[in-house]
Each structure stands twice: as C-alpha cells, then as structure tokens.
Amino acid sequence: MAPVGGTAVQDHVALAEIELCGELIIAASAAQERLSLESIDEVLKVAEERDSSRR
C-alpha cells in the first residue's frame, strides 16, 4: 500500500523502458510478419541515439 503523503518515487529509466516496450508491442501487433531487426531499431530509435552520441 502506498503512503498517504504522496511520496511515490518515479524511476525515469524504468518508465522509459516501459514506453519503449509499449512502442514495440504496438509495432508488432500492426505488422503482418515478424519485425526485422531494422524495424525494431527504427521503433526504438537506435540510429537516432547512435547519431546523437557521435557528436
């Protein structure tokens, strides 16, 4: 049971991971076939992350 004082802790990393999992579930359910590795990278924005880390 959560404390009444509203001291809930938010784990921003966990929330981001949950959001990414949701995006993958949506993409997989909309796909006709299994998602390719490239499609998964696109959903997870892996290329964008690589590009921003190179700067």
PDB file of N, CA and C in Angstrom:
ATOM      1  N   MET A   1       0.843  -1.187   0.000  1.00  0.00           N
ATOM      2  CA  MET A   1       0.000   0.000   0.000  1.00  0.00           C
ATOM      3  C   MET A   1       0.886   1.247   0.000  1.00  0.00           C
ATOM      4  N   ALA A   2       0.563   2.214  -0.843  1.00  0.00           N
ATOM      5  CA  ALA A   2       1.351   3.436  -0.960  1.00  0.00           C
ATOM      6  C   ALA A   2       1.086   4.358   0.216  1.00  0.00           C
ATOM      7  N   PRO A   3       2.114   5.072   0.638  1.00  0.00           N
ATOM      8  CA  PRO A   3       1.910   6.038   1.728  1.00  0.00           C
ATOM      9  C   PRO A   3       0.927   7.120   1.324  1.00  0.00           C
ATOM     10  N   VAL A   4       0.193   7.633   2.292  1.00  0.00           N
ATOM     11  CA  VAL A   4      -0.822   8.647   2.040  1.00  0.00           C
ATOM     12  C   VAL A   4      -0.205   9.976   1.654  1.00  0.00           C
ATOM     13  N   GLY A   5       1.007  10.242   2.083  1.00  0.00           N
ATOM     14  CA  GLY A   5       1.657  11.531   1.848  1.00  0.00           C
ATOM     15  C   GLY A   5       2.040  11.799   0.415  1.00  0.00           C
ATOM     16  N   GLY A   6       1.842  10.862  -0.489  1.00  0.00           N
ATOM     17  CA  GLY A   6       2.165  11.083  -1.893  1.00  0.00           C
ATOM     18  C   GLY A   6       3.657  11.087  -2.158  1.00  0.00           C
ATOM     19  N   THR A   7       4.387  10.213  -1.533  1.00  0.00           N
ATOM     20  CA  THR A   7       5.839  10.175  -1.711  1.00  0.00           C
ATOM     21  C   THR A   7       6.257   9.120  -2.725  1.00  0.00           C
ATOM     22  N   ALA A   8       5.478   8.930  -3.756  1.00  0.00           N
ATOM     23  CA  ALA A   8       5.797   7.945  -4.782  1.00  0.00           C
ATOM     24  C   ALA A   8       7.081   8.344  -5.502  1.00  0.00           C
ATOM     25  N   VAL A   9       7.942   7.391  -5.710  1.00  0.00           N
ATOM     26  CA  VAL A   9       9.205   7.626  -6.387  1.00  0.00           C
ATOM     27  C   VAL A   9       9.043   7.210  -7.843  1.00  0.00           C
ATOM     28  N   GLN A  10       9.510   8.066  -8.739  1.00  0.00           N
ATOM     29  CA  GLN A  10       9.443   7.728 -10.158  1.00  0.00           C
ATOM     30  C   GLN A  10      10.823   7.333 -10.642  1.00  0.00           C
ATOM     31  N   ASP A  11      10.915   6.170 -11.229  1.00  0.00           N
ATOM     32  CA  ASP A  11      12.149   5.697 -11.827  1.00  0.00           C
ATOM     33  C   ASP A  11      12.069   6.024 -13.311  1.00  0.00           C
ATOM     34  N   HIS A  12      12.747   7.079 -13.716  1.00  0.00           N
ATOM     35  CA  HIS A  12      12.623   7.567 -15.086  1.00  0.00           C
ATOM     36  C   HIS A  12      13.171   6.571 -16.107  1.00  0.00           C
ATOM     37  N   VAL A  13      14.182   5.814 -15.733  1.00  0.00           N
ATOM     38  CA  VAL A  13      14.731   4.806 -16.639  1.00  0.00           C
ATOM     39  C   VAL A  13      13.701   3.700 -16.855  1.00  0.00           C
ATOM     40  N   ALA A  14      13.075   3.255 -15.771  1.00  0.00           N
ATOM     41  CA  ALA A  14      12.059   2.204 -15.885  1.00  0.00           C
ATOM     42  C   ALA A  14      10.874   2.691 -16.708  1.00  0.00           C
ATOM     43  N   LEU A  15      10.457   3.923 -16.507  1.00  0.00           N
ATOM     44  CA  LEU A  15       9.342   4.472 -17.282  1.00  0.00           C
ATOM     45  C   LEU A  15       9.691   4.545 -18.768  1.00  0.00           C
ATOM     46  N   ALA A  16      10.921   4.909 -19.088  1.00  0.00           N
ATOM     47  CA  ALA A  16      11.347   4.969 -20.487  1.00  0.00           C
ATOM     48  C   ALA A  16      11.362   3.575 -21.099  1.00  0.00           C
ATOM     49  N   GLU A  17      11.821   2.582 -20.341  1.00  0.00           N
ATOM     50  CA  GLU A  17      11.837   1.210 -20.836  1.00  0.00           C
ATOM     51  C   GLU A  17      10.422   0.693 -21.074  1.00  0.00           C
ATOM     52  N   ILE A  18       9.505   1.020 -20.192  1.00  0.00           N
ATOM     53  CA  ILE A  18       8.110   0.607 -20.359  1.00  0.00           C
ATOM     54  C   ILE A  18       7.516   1.247 -21.613  1.00  0.00           C
ATOM     55  N   GLU A  19       7.842   2.512 -21.841  1.00  0.00           N
ATOM     56  CA  GLU A  19       7.342   3.196 -23.032  1.00  0.00           C
ATOM     57  C   GLU A  19       7.891   2.540 -24.303  1.00  0.00           C
ATOM     58  N   LEU A  20       9.181   2.192 -24.304  1.00  0.00           N
ATOM     59  CA  LEU A  20       9.764   1.525 -25.469  1.00  0.00           C
ATOM     60  C   LEU A  20       9.137   0.160 -25.707  1.00  0.00           C
ATOM     61  N   CYS A  21       8.888  -0.569 -24.636  1.00  0.00           N
ATOM     62  CA  CYS A  21       8.225  -1.882 -24.779  1.00  0.00           C
ATOM     63  C   CYS A  21       6.835  -1.709 -25.378  1.00  0.00           C
ATOM     64  N   GLY A  22       6.126  -0.693 -24.944  1.00  0.00           N
ATOM     65  CA  GLY A  22       4.806  -0.413 -25.500  1.00  0.00           C
ATOM     66  C   GLY A  22       4.876  -0.105 -26.976  1.00  0.00           C
ATOM     67  N   GLU A  23       5.870   0.683 -27.373  1.00  0.00           N
ATOM     68  CA  GLU A  23       6.044   1.009 -28.795  1.00  0.00           C
ATOM     69  C   GLU A  23       6.318  -0.252 -29.607  1.00  0.00           C
ATOM     70  N   LEU A  24       7.144  -1.158 -29.049  1.00  0.00           N
ATOM     71  CA  LEU A  24       7.418  -2.413 -29.751  1.00  0.00           C
ATOM     72  C   LEU A  24       6.169  -3.273 -29.874  1.00  0.00           C
ATOM     73  N   ILE A  25       5.374  -3.329 -28.825  1.00  0.00           N
ATOM     74  CA  ILE A  25       4.140  -4.119 -28.855  1.00  0.00           C
ATOM     75  C   ILE A  25       3.189  -3.579 -29.910  1.00  0.00           C
ATOM     76  N   ILE A  26       3.064  -2.272 -29.985  1.00  0.00           N
ATOM     77  CA  ILE A  26       2.186  -1.645 -30.983  1.00  0.00           C
ATOM     78  C   ILE A  26       2.686  -1.957 -32.391  1.00  0.00           C
ATOM     79  N   ALA A  27       3.996  -1.810 -32.611  1.00  0.00           N
ATOM     80  CA  ALA A  27       4.556  -2.081 -33.938  1.00  0.00           C
ATOM     81  C   ALA A  27       4.383  -3.550 -34.313  1.00  0.00           C
ATOM     82  N   ALA A  28       4.615  -4.442 -33.361  1.00  0.00           N
ATOM     83  CA  ALA A  28       4.493  -5.876 -33.647  1.00  0.00           C
ATOM     84  C   ALA A  28       3.048  -6.265 -33.941  1.00  0.00           C
ATOM     85  N   SER A  29       2.119  -5.671 -33.235  1.00  0.00           N
ATOM     86  CA  SER A  29       0.716  -6.023 -33.468  1.00  0.00           C
ATOM     87  C   SER A  29       0.201  -5.473 -34.787  1.00  0.00           C
ATOM     88  N   ALA A  30       0.806  -4.399 -35.278  1.00  0.00           N
ATOM     89  CA  ALA A  30       0.384  -3.812 -36.553  1.00  0.00           C
ATOM     90  C   ALA A  30       1.065  -4.477 -37.746  1.00  0.00           C
ATOM     91  N   ALA A  31       2.145  -5.204 -37.505  1.00  0.00           N
ATOM     92  CA  ALA A  31       2.913  -5.811 -38.595  1.00  0.00           C
ATOM     93  C   ALA A  31       2.231  -7.076 -39.107  1.00  0.00           C
ATOM     94  N   GLN A  32       2.407  -7.324 -40.386  1.00  0.00           N
ATOM     95  CA  GLN A  32       1.879  -8.538 -40.999  1.00  0.00           C
ATOM     96  C   GLN A  32       2.771  -9.743 -40.694  1.00  0.00           C
ATOM     97  N   GLU A  33       4.069  -9.503 -40.561  1.00  0.00           N
ATOM     98  CA  GLU A  33       5.054 -10.543 -40.298  1.00  0.00           C
ATOM     99  C   GLU A  33       5.895 -10.140 -39.093  1.00  0.00           C
ATOM    100  N   ARG A  34       6.842 -10.981 -38.754  1.00  0.00           N
ATOM    101  CA  ARG A  34       7.751 -10.654 -37.659  1.00  0.00           C
ATOM    102  C   ARG A  34       8.511  -9.380 -37.988  1.00  0.00           C
ATOM    103  N   LEU A  35       8.805  -8.584 -36.981  1.00  0.00           N
ATOM    104  CA  LEU A  35       9.582  -7.375 -37.199  1.00  0.00           C
ATOM    105  C   LEU A  35      11.033  -7.735 -37.492  1.00  0.00           C
ATOM    106  N   SER A  36      11.599  -7.088 -38.488  1.00  0.00           N
ATOM    107  CA  SER A  36      13.016  -7.284 -38.785  1.00  0.00           C
ATOM    108  C   SER A  36      13.834  -6.525 -37.747  1.00  0.00           C
ATOM    109  N   LEU A  37      15.112  -6.851 -37.672  1.00  0.00           N
ATOM    110  CA  LEU A  37      15.988  -6.128 -36.744  1.00  0.00           C
ATOM    111  C   LEU A  37      16.026  -4.642 -37.086  1.00  0.00           C
ATOM    112  N   GLU A  38      15.981  -4.332 -38.367  1.00  0.00           N
ATOM    113  CA  GLU A  38      15.976  -2.930 -38.784  1.00  0.00           C
ATOM    114  C   GLU A  38      14.699  -2.224 -38.328  1.00  0.00           C
ATOM    115  N   SER A  39      13.570  -2.925 -38.408  1.00  0.00           N
ATOM    116  CA  SER A  39      12.304  -2.349 -37.954  1.00  0.00           C
ATOM    117  C   SER A  39      12.315  -2.103 -36.450  1.00  0.00           C
ATOM    118  N   ILE A  40      12.864  -3.051 -35.731  1.00  0.00           N
ATOM    119  CA  ILE A  40      12.954  -2.901 -34.270  1.00  0.00           C
ATOM    120  C   ILE A  40      13.846  -1.713 -33.926  1.00  0.00           C
ATOM    121  N   ASP A  41      14.989  -1.600 -34.614  1.00  0.00           N
ATOM    122  CA  ASP A  41      15.872  -0.454 -34.381  1.00  0.00           C
ATOM    123  C   ASP A  41      15.166   0.858 -34.677  1.00  0.00           C
ATOM    124  N   GLU A  42      14.343   0.855 -35.728  1.00  0.00           N
ATOM    125  CA  GLU A  42      13.607   2.071 -36.087  1.00  0.00           C
ATOM    126  C   GLU A  42      12.606   2.440 -34.992  1.00  0.00           C
ATOM    127  N   VAL A  43      11.878   1.452 -34.480  1.00  0.00           N
ATOM    128  CA  VAL A  43      10.902   1.701 -33.418  1.00  0.00           C
ATOM    129  C   VAL A  43      11.603   2.221 -32.163  1.00  0.00           C
ATOM    130  N   LEU A  44      12.755   1.631 -31.857  1.00  0.00           N
ATOM    131  CA  LEU A  44      13.494   2.016 -30.649  1.00  0.00           C
ATOM    132  C   LEU A  44      14.362   3.249 -30.863  1.00  0.00           C
ATOM    133  N   LYS A  45      14.385   3.758 -32.102  1.00  0.00           N
ATOM    134  CA  LYS A  45      15.159   4.950 -32.459  1.00  0.00           C
ATOM    135  C   LYS A  45      16.643   4.756 -32.161  1.00  0.00           C
ATOM    136  N   VAL A  46      17.138   3.558 -32.468  1.00  0.00           N
ATOM    137  CA  VAL A  46      18.538   3.231 -32.208  1.00  0.00           C
ATOM    138  C   VAL A  46      19.464   4.088 -33.055  1.00  0.00           C
ATOM    139  N   ALA A  47      19.155   4.275 -34.332  1.00  0.00           N
ATOM    140  CA  ALA A  47      20.006   5.067 -35.214  1.00  0.00           C
ATOM    141  C   ALA A  47      20.100   6.507 -34.725  1.00  0.00           C
ATOM    142  N   GLU A  48      18.991   7.055 -34.271  1.00  0.00           N
ATOM    143  CA  GLU A  48      18.998   8.423 -33.755  1.00  0.00           C
ATOM    144  C   GLU A  48      19.891   8.530 -32.530  1.00  0.00           C
ATOM    145  N   GLU A  49      19.859   7.525 -31.676  1.00  0.00           N
ATOM    146  CA  GLU A  49      20.682   7.516 -30.472  1.00  0.00           C
ATOM    147  C   GLU A  49      22.158   7.427 -30.834  1.00  0.00           C
ATOM    148  N   ARG A  50      22.484   6.598 -31.823  1.00  0.00           N
ATOM    149  CA  ARG A  50      23.879   6.482 -32.273  1.00  0.00           C
ATOM    150  C   ARG A  50      24.372   7.804 -32.839  1.00  0.00           C
ATOM    151  N   ASP A  51      23.532   8.452 -33.653  1.00  0.00           N
ATOM    152  CA  ASP A  51      23.918   9.723 -34.267  1.00  0.00           C
ATOM    153  C   ASP A  51      24.166  10.796 -33.218  1.00  0.00           C
ATOM    154  N   SER A  52      23.328  10.866 -32.200  1.00  0.00           N
ATOM    155  CA  SER A  52      23.489  11.894 -31.184  1.00  0.00           C
ATOM    156  C   SER A  52      24.686  11.619 -30.285  1.00  0.00           C
ATOM    157  N   SER A  53      25.069  10.354 -30.106  1.00  0.00           N
ATOM    158  CA  SER A  53      26.203  10.034 -29.252  1.00  0.00           C
ATOM    159  C   SER A  53      27.525  10.281 -29.969  1.00  0.00           C
ATOM    160  N   ARG A  54      27.524  10.355 -31.282  1.00  0.00           N
ATOM    161  CA  ARG A  54      28.744  10.603 -32.048  1.00  0.00           C
ATOM    162  C   ARG A  54      29.128  12.074 -32.043  1.00  0.00           C
ATOM    163  N   ARG A  55      28.247  12.930 -31.686  1.00  0.00           N
ATOM    164  CA  ARG A  55      28.520  14.385 -31.735  1.00  0.00           C
ATOM    165  C   ARG A  55      29.402  14.812 -30.616  1.00  0.00           C
TER     166      ARG A  55
END
